[in-house]
Amino acid sequence: MAEPTAKDKAWIIFDRIIADASPNGVHTNPWRIVDDKRQYMPDIGTLERLLGVPLYLKATVRSGARALALDVWLAYELRRAGFEPDAVWPRASHPRILPVPITNLLDALPKAERTKLLQRLTKKGAISGVTSSSASILGKNYLKQVDVIMTDWATGPEILISTKRMDSSYGKNAANRIEESYGDAKNLRLRHPMAALGFLIALRSDILVKEPLIFEWLTDLVGKLGQEDDAYHATSLLLMDYGDDLVIDDEDDEEEPENPLVAAGPDPEADEDVEEVPPDEIEKALTELPRVVIQEELVEPHLRAATFIANIVNRALDGTPINLHKAARAMRKNATG
């Protein structure tokens, strides 16, 4: 049995936070009528709790747990918006990626057969081409791992969102992150022109003091990435505020580079069982999560999370027939006062 990694532990705590925010998978309507206009109200409180998890675990950049908090939250918001839970990846339970036809098969099987197949699907090791924790999508010229996806066999990809996170070294990394994102947008948009394409970047708020010109430059370019005819349909910039005592000195530690030669579909994983995390350790983490505050008021309105998610949801709904995504359409139509 392998020792659980920071990412393994993060997933368990993420799941509890999401379960607390949506008991039994039930969500309240995120759409509201404000000043006679329909607006999307994201659950910022849940985002702040999720962002506290990698800080609590002292997870490094290379662990993958830091940016994963953003992916979990965006997938949660898409489910809040009424989209089919199993079509949104990462899913709210293991396996994080599971094609919708497989979930339909599970629903159709007799109980005994369903239980047996479910046990096989939910074991820690992935089934090549079926289950995984991440997936690669073929763009015009190369495969790209996409962080948050909504897809089905019948429709193809309908939502593709890429996320980035920078907690330090802004001057060193900002240009690379923007260049990568612009290239990825062109690559994905040219093969999937109907999919709602989004880009979200999260920065620690100390950038306003340490690198104010870099922040202005990023604000300008992230905004422009959402205005190009052949780039993203929506972009967002988040500012995360947390204490200096939570900073991890890993400026030279980078995520492993993405392999452009992997096969399309779910990425392979090591077939290795991981030790269970004791329940008391999870409870301890939930009560001691560091405080993270999203400072939306310091971000331009067109780059705030509410605008970003509304644009993605509207693009996905407006680009499909009215007989698809009925729950999401009903949510939007029945916005509350």
Protein backbone atom coordinates (compact mmCIF):
# COMPACT_ATOMS: atom_id res chain seq x y z
CA MET A 1 0.00 0.00 0.00
CA ALA A 2 1.39 3.37 -1.03
CA GLU A 3 1.45 6.37 1.28
CA PRO A 4 -1.22 8.91 0.22
CA THR A 5 0.23 11.91 -1.56
CA ALA A 6 -0.79 15.52 -0.97
CA LYS A 7 -3.05 15.22 -4.01
CA ASP A 8 -4.69 12.05 -2.65
CA LYS A 9 -5.40 13.80 0.64
CA ALA A 10 -6.59 16.94 -1.14
CA TRP A 11 -9.18 14.98 -3.13
CA ILE A 12 -10.68 13.52 0.04
CA ILE A 13 -10.98 16.94 1.69
CA PHE A 14 -12.27 18.53 -1.52
CA ASP A 15 -15.01 15.89 -1.69
CA ARG A 16 -16.14 16.66 1.86
CA ILE A 17 -16.26 20.39 1.16
CA ILE A 18 -18.31 19.85 -2.01
CA ALA A 19 -20.60 17.40 -0.19
CA ASP A 20 -21.19 19.99 2.55
CA ALA A 21 -21.99 22.63 -0.08
CA SER A 22 -24.42 20.38 -1.98
CA PRO A 23 -26.03 17.84 0.38
CA ASN A 24 -27.04 14.72 -1.58
CA GLY A 25 -26.01 16.51 -4.76
CA VAL A 26 -28.77 19.11 -4.43
CA HIS A 27 -27.94 22.73 -5.30
CA THR A 28 -29.82 25.97 -4.92
CA ASN A 29 -30.43 28.06 -8.03
CA PRO A 30 -27.30 30.19 -8.69
CA TRP A 31 -29.19 32.62 -10.94
CA ARG A 32 -30.58 35.79 -9.37
CA ILE A 33 -32.54 38.82 -10.58
CA VAL A 34 -30.62 41.94 -9.54
CA ASP A 35 -31.83 45.38 -10.71
CA ASP A 36 -34.08 43.65 -13.27
CA LYS A 37 -31.08 41.81 -14.74
CA ARG A 38 -30.30 38.12 -14.53
CA GLN A 39 -26.94 37.44 -12.88
CA TYR A 40 -25.02 34.34 -11.93
CA MET A 41 -23.99 34.20 -8.26
CA PRO A 42 -20.96 31.91 -7.79
CA ASP A 43 -20.37 30.19 -4.47
CA ILE A 44 -17.24 32.11 -3.48
CA GLY A 45 -17.34 30.75 0.07
CA THR A 46 -16.86 27.19 -1.19
CA LEU A 47 -14.02 28.34 -3.45
CA GLU A 48 -12.25 29.93 -0.49
CA ARG A 49 -12.52 26.71 1.51
CA LEU A 50 -11.19 24.64 -1.39
CA LEU A 51 -8.24 27.00 -1.85
CA GLY A 52 -7.37 26.53 1.81
CA VAL A 53 -6.83 22.78 1.37
CA PRO A 54 -3.46 22.81 -0.47
CA LEU A 55 -2.24 25.49 1.95
CA TYR A 56 -3.19 23.30 4.89
CA LEU A 57 -1.38 20.34 3.31
CA LYS A 58 1.62 22.52 2.41
CA ALA A 59 1.29 21.15 -1.11
CA THR A 60 3.97 22.17 -3.58
CA VAL A 61 3.38 23.23 -7.18
CA ARG A 62 4.62 19.85 -8.41
CA SER A 63 1.99 18.02 -6.31
CA GLY A 64 -0.78 19.32 -8.58
CA ALA A 65 -3.07 20.00 -5.61
CA ARG A 66 -2.91 23.79 -5.82
CA ALA A 67 -4.49 24.29 -9.24
CA LEU A 68 -6.78 21.30 -8.65
CA ALA A 69 -8.77 23.36 -6.14
CA LEU A 70 -9.80 25.66 -9.01
CA ASP A 71 -10.80 22.73 -11.21
CA VAL A 72 -12.94 21.15 -8.48
CA TRP A 73 -14.71 24.45 -7.87
CA LEU A 74 -15.46 25.15 -11.54
CA ALA A 75 -16.83 21.63 -12.03
CA TYR A 76 -18.98 22.18 -8.94
CA GLU A 77 -20.27 25.46 -10.39
CA LEU A 78 -21.22 23.78 -13.67
CA ARG A 79 -23.22 21.22 -11.71
CA ARG A 80 -24.78 24.08 -9.71
CA ALA A 81 -25.82 25.60 -13.02
CA GLY A 82 -27.82 22.45 -13.77
CA PHE A 83 -25.61 20.55 -16.18
CA GLU A 84 -25.58 16.77 -16.05
CA PRO A 85 -23.29 15.78 -13.15
CA ASP A 86 -21.61 12.85 -14.89
CA ALA A 87 -20.95 14.87 -18.05
CA VAL A 88 -18.89 17.40 -16.08
CA TRP A 89 -15.27 16.40 -15.39
CA PRO A 90 -13.72 16.18 -12.87
CA ARG A 91 -16.68 14.32 -11.40
CA ALA A 92 -17.69 14.72 -7.76
CA SER A 93 -16.49 11.21 -6.96
CA HIS A 94 -13.88 8.69 -8.10
CA PRO A 95 -13.31 7.98 -10.94
CA ARG A 96 -12.99 11.66 -11.79
CA ILE A 97 -13.39 10.98 -15.49
CA LEU A 98 -15.95 8.45 -16.60
CA PRO A 99 -17.70 8.63 -20.00
CA VAL A 100 -21.45 9.20 -19.77
CA PRO A 101 -22.29 6.00 -21.72
CA ILE A 102 -20.58 4.04 -18.93
CA THR A 103 -22.72 5.73 -16.27
CA ASN A 104 -25.81 5.03 -18.39
CA LEU A 105 -24.76 1.37 -18.57
CA LEU A 106 -24.40 1.26 -14.79
CA ASP A 107 -27.93 2.64 -14.37
CA ALA A 108 -29.34 0.03 -16.73
CA LEU A 109 -27.68 -3.04 -15.17
CA PRO A 110 -29.32 -5.28 -12.57
CA LYS A 111 -28.16 -4.51 -9.04
CA ALA A 112 -25.74 -7.45 -8.71
CA GLU A 113 -24.01 -6.76 -12.01
CA ARG A 114 -23.98 -3.00 -11.35
CA THR A 115 -22.30 -3.51 -7.99
CA LYS A 116 -19.61 -5.73 -9.49
CA LEU A 117 -18.85 -3.33 -12.34
CA LEU A 118 -18.88 -0.32 -10.01
CA GLN A 119 -16.33 -2.00 -7.76
CA ARG A 120 -14.06 -2.50 -10.74
CA LEU A 121 -14.48 1.08 -11.95
CA THR A 122 -13.87 2.66 -8.57
CA LYS A 123 -10.71 0.77 -7.63
CA LYS A 124 -7.73 3.09 -7.33
CA GLY A 125 -5.99 2.11 -10.55
CA ALA A 126 -7.44 3.49 -13.77
CA ILE A 127 -8.86 1.38 -16.60
CA SER A 128 -6.99 2.50 -19.70
CA GLY A 129 -9.22 4.56 -21.97
CA VAL A 130 -12.17 4.46 -19.56
CA THR A 131 -11.40 5.98 -16.17
CA SER A 132 -8.80 8.46 -14.97
CA SER A 133 -8.20 11.69 -13.05
CA SER A 134 -7.51 13.82 -16.14
CA ALA A 135 -8.09 13.76 -19.88
CA SER A 136 -6.45 14.96 -23.08
CA ILE A 137 -8.47 16.49 -25.91
CA LEU A 138 -7.29 16.62 -29.52
CA GLY A 139 -7.02 20.19 -30.80
CA LYS A 140 -6.25 21.27 -34.35
CA ASN A 141 -2.58 20.30 -34.17
CA TYR A 142 -1.86 18.57 -30.87
CA LEU A 143 -3.37 16.93 -27.81
CA LYS A 144 -4.05 19.13 -24.80
CA GLN A 145 -4.90 18.19 -21.24
CA VAL A 146 -7.98 20.24 -20.35
CA ASP A 147 -8.72 20.93 -16.69
CA VAL A 148 -12.53 21.18 -16.67
CA ILE A 149 -14.65 19.56 -19.36
CA MET A 150 -18.28 18.93 -20.17
CA THR A 151 -18.68 16.35 -22.88
CA ASP A 152 -20.74 13.41 -24.13
CA TRP A 153 -20.40 10.99 -27.01
CA ALA A 154 -23.46 12.46 -28.75
CA THR A 155 -22.38 16.11 -28.53
CA GLY A 156 -18.61 16.08 -28.30
CA PRO A 157 -16.92 18.63 -26.02
CA GLU A 158 -19.33 21.42 -25.05
CA ILE A 159 -17.27 23.20 -22.38
CA LEU A 160 -13.46 23.32 -22.18
CA ILE A 161 -11.87 25.37 -19.39
CA SER A 162 -8.15 25.74 -18.69
CA THR A 163 -6.93 26.97 -15.30
CA LYS A 164 -3.61 28.44 -14.16
CA ARG A 165 -2.40 29.48 -10.72
CA MET A 166 0.55 31.63 -9.67
CA ASP A 167 1.37 32.28 -6.02
CA SER A 168 4.82 33.82 -6.60
CA SER A 169 7.51 34.64 -9.21
CA TYR A 170 5.02 36.68 -11.22
CA GLY A 171 7.58 38.45 -13.37
CA LYS A 172 9.32 35.16 -14.11
CA ASN A 173 6.24 33.11 -15.04
CA ALA A 174 3.50 35.50 -16.23
CA ALA A 175 4.62 35.79 -19.86
CA ASN A 176 4.99 32.00 -20.21
CA ARG A 177 1.51 31.34 -18.77
CA ILE A 178 -0.12 33.81 -21.17
CA GLU A 179 1.76 32.52 -24.21
CA GLU A 180 0.84 28.92 -23.35
CA SER A 181 -2.81 29.85 -22.86
CA TYR A 182 -3.06 31.75 -26.13
CA GLY A 183 -1.57 28.82 -28.07
CA ASP A 184 -3.88 26.34 -26.33
CA ALA A 185 -6.91 28.48 -27.14
CA LYS A 186 -6.10 28.58 -30.84
CA ASN A 187 -5.39 24.85 -30.89
CA LEU A 188 -8.68 23.88 -29.17
CA ARG A 189 -10.93 26.50 -30.77
CA LEU A 190 -9.99 25.50 -34.32
CA ARG A 191 -11.05 21.88 -33.78
CA HIS A 192 -13.98 22.56 -31.43
CA PRO A 193 -15.46 25.90 -32.58
CA MET A 194 -18.86 25.23 -30.95
CA ALA A 195 -17.48 24.41 -27.49
CA ALA A 196 -17.55 27.15 -24.84
CA LEU A 197 -13.86 27.83 -24.27
CA GLY A 198 -12.71 29.43 -21.02
CA PHE A 199 -9.50 30.45 -19.26
CA LEU A 200 -9.18 31.26 -15.56
CA ILE A 201 -6.01 32.37 -13.79
CA ALA A 202 -5.65 32.78 -10.01
CA LEU A 203 -2.98 35.03 -8.47
CA ARG A 204 -1.98 35.70 -4.90
CA SER A 205 -2.96 39.26 -4.01
CA ASP A 206 0.59 40.22 -3.00
CA ILE A 207 1.20 40.79 -6.71
CA LEU A 208 -0.47 44.18 -6.19
CA VAL A 209 2.45 45.17 -3.93
CA LYS A 210 5.34 43.19 -5.39
CA GLU A 211 4.59 43.45 -9.11
CA PRO A 212 1.80 46.04 -9.71
CA LEU A 213 2.81 46.59 -13.33
CA ILE A 214 2.73 42.83 -13.99
CA PHE A 215 -0.78 42.74 -12.51
CA GLU A 216 -1.94 45.53 -14.83
CA TRP A 217 -0.29 43.77 -17.77
CA LEU A 218 -1.97 40.46 -16.89
CA THR A 219 -5.34 42.14 -16.43
CA ASP A 220 -5.05 43.66 -19.88
CA LEU A 221 -3.92 40.48 -21.63
CA VAL A 222 -6.32 38.12 -19.86
CA GLY A 223 -9.14 40.47 -20.88
CA LYS A 224 -7.95 40.50 -24.49
CA LEU A 225 -7.77 36.70 -24.55
CA GLY A 226 -11.54 36.76 -24.12
CA GLN A 227 -12.10 39.26 -26.93
CA GLU A 228 -10.29 37.53 -29.80
CA ASP A 229 -12.53 35.98 -32.44
CA ASP A 230 -10.49 32.76 -32.45
CA ALA A 231 -9.45 32.50 -28.78
CA TYR A 232 -11.47 32.14 -25.56
CA HIS A 233 -15.15 32.93 -25.17
CA ALA A 234 -14.64 33.91 -21.52
CA THR A 235 -11.68 34.69 -19.28
CA SER A 236 -11.32 35.38 -15.57
CA LEU A 237 -8.75 36.58 -13.07
CA LEU A 238 -8.99 35.71 -9.37
CA LEU A 239 -7.07 37.36 -6.55
CA MET A 240 -6.38 35.11 -3.55
CA ASP A 241 -5.44 36.72 -0.24
CA TYR A 242 -3.81 34.63 2.48
CA GLY A 243 -1.19 35.09 5.20
CA ASP A 244 2.56 35.11 4.69
CA ASP A 245 2.90 32.30 7.23
CA LEU A 246 1.24 29.97 4.70
CA VAL A 247 3.70 30.64 1.89
CA ILE A 248 5.70 27.62 0.69
CA ASP A 249 9.15 28.44 -0.66
CA ASP A 250 9.09 26.44 -3.90
CA GLU A 251 9.58 29.14 -6.49
CA ASP A 252 11.95 26.92 -8.48
CA ASP A 253 9.62 23.91 -8.24
CA GLU A 254 7.53 23.56 -11.41
CA GLU A 255 4.86 21.15 -12.54
CA GLU A 256 6.04 18.32 -14.74
CA PRO A 257 5.78 19.33 -18.41
CA GLU A 258 2.81 17.96 -20.32
CA ASN A 259 3.56 15.12 -22.72
CA PRO A 260 2.18 16.10 -26.17
CA LEU A 261 2.44 12.51 -27.43
CA VAL A 262 -0.02 10.86 -25.04
CA ALA A 263 -3.13 9.21 -26.43
CA ALA A 264 -6.41 11.12 -26.53
CA GLY A 265 -8.92 10.39 -23.79
CA PRO A 266 -8.37 9.56 -20.11
CA ASP A 267 -4.72 9.72 -19.12
CA PRO A 268 -3.14 6.54 -17.73
CA GLU A 269 -2.47 6.26 -14.00
CA ALA A 270 -0.39 3.96 -11.85
CA ASP A 271 -2.36 0.88 -10.83
CA GLU A 272 -1.45 1.18 -7.15
CA ASP A 273 -3.61 1.06 -4.06
CA VAL A 274 -3.23 3.93 -1.60
CA GLU A 275 -3.63 3.79 2.15
CA GLU A 276 -6.88 5.22 3.51
CA VAL A 277 -6.74 8.63 5.20
CA PRO A 278 -8.10 8.33 8.78
CA PRO A 279 -11.47 10.09 9.27
CA ASP A 280 -10.14 12.08 12.23
CA GLU A 281 -7.40 13.49 10.02
CA ILE A 282 -10.03 14.71 7.57
CA GLU A 283 -12.11 16.29 10.35
CA LYS A 284 -8.99 17.98 11.71
CA ALA A 285 -8.22 19.43 8.27
CA LEU A 286 -11.76 20.77 7.85
CA THR A 287 -11.65 22.60 11.16
CA GLU A 288 -8.14 23.99 10.64
CA LEU A 289 -8.31 25.12 7.02
CA PRO A 290 -6.32 28.34 6.52
CA ARG A 291 -8.33 31.43 5.70
CA VAL A 292 -8.28 32.44 2.03
CA VAL A 293 -10.24 35.45 0.78
CA ILE A 294 -11.14 36.10 -2.85
CA GLN A 295 -10.79 39.85 -3.47
CA GLU A 296 -13.22 40.31 -6.33
CA GLU A 297 -13.58 44.04 -5.76
CA LEU A 298 -9.96 44.52 -6.92
CA VAL A 299 -10.60 42.84 -10.27
CA GLU A 300 -12.19 44.43 -13.35
CA PRO A 301 -15.92 43.50 -13.53
CA HIS A 302 -15.59 41.75 -16.90
CA LEU A 303 -12.97 39.38 -15.42
CA ARG A 304 -14.82 38.45 -12.23
CA ALA A 305 -15.95 34.89 -11.57
CA ALA A 306 -19.67 35.70 -11.88
CA THR A 307 -19.27 37.13 -15.37
CA PHE A 308 -16.97 34.30 -16.42
CA ILE A 309 -19.28 31.46 -15.37
CA ALA A 310 -22.37 33.20 -16.76
CA ASN A 311 -20.64 33.59 -20.14
CA ILE A 312 -19.59 29.94 -20.21
CA VAL A 313 -23.04 28.67 -19.21
CA ASN A 314 -24.86 30.95 -21.65
CA ARG A 315 -22.53 29.99 -24.48
CA ALA A 316 -23.12 26.28 -23.84
CA LEU A 317 -26.91 26.67 -23.63
CA ASP A 318 -27.28 29.08 -26.53
CA GLY A 319 -25.20 26.81 -28.78
CA THR A 320 -27.36 23.70 -28.29
CA PRO A 321 -31.00 22.77 -29.06
CA ILE A 322 -33.57 23.48 -26.35
CA ASN A 323 -34.18 19.76 -25.79
CA LEU A 324 -30.65 19.45 -24.35
CA HIS A 325 -29.64 20.54 -20.84
CA LYS A 326 -33.23 21.05 -19.69
CA ALA A 327 -32.31 21.37 -16.01
CA ALA A 328 -29.73 24.08 -16.73
CA ARG A 329 -32.22 25.97 -18.90
CA ALA A 330 -34.84 25.77 -16.19
CA MET A 331 -32.34 27.11 -13.62
CA ARG A 332 -31.53 30.09 -15.82
CA LYS A 333 -35.16 30.77 -16.70
CA ASN A 334 -36.35 30.61 -13.11
CA ALA A 335 -33.83 33.04 -11.65
CA THR A 336 -34.97 34.18 -8.21
CA GLY A 337 -35.36 37.71 -6.88
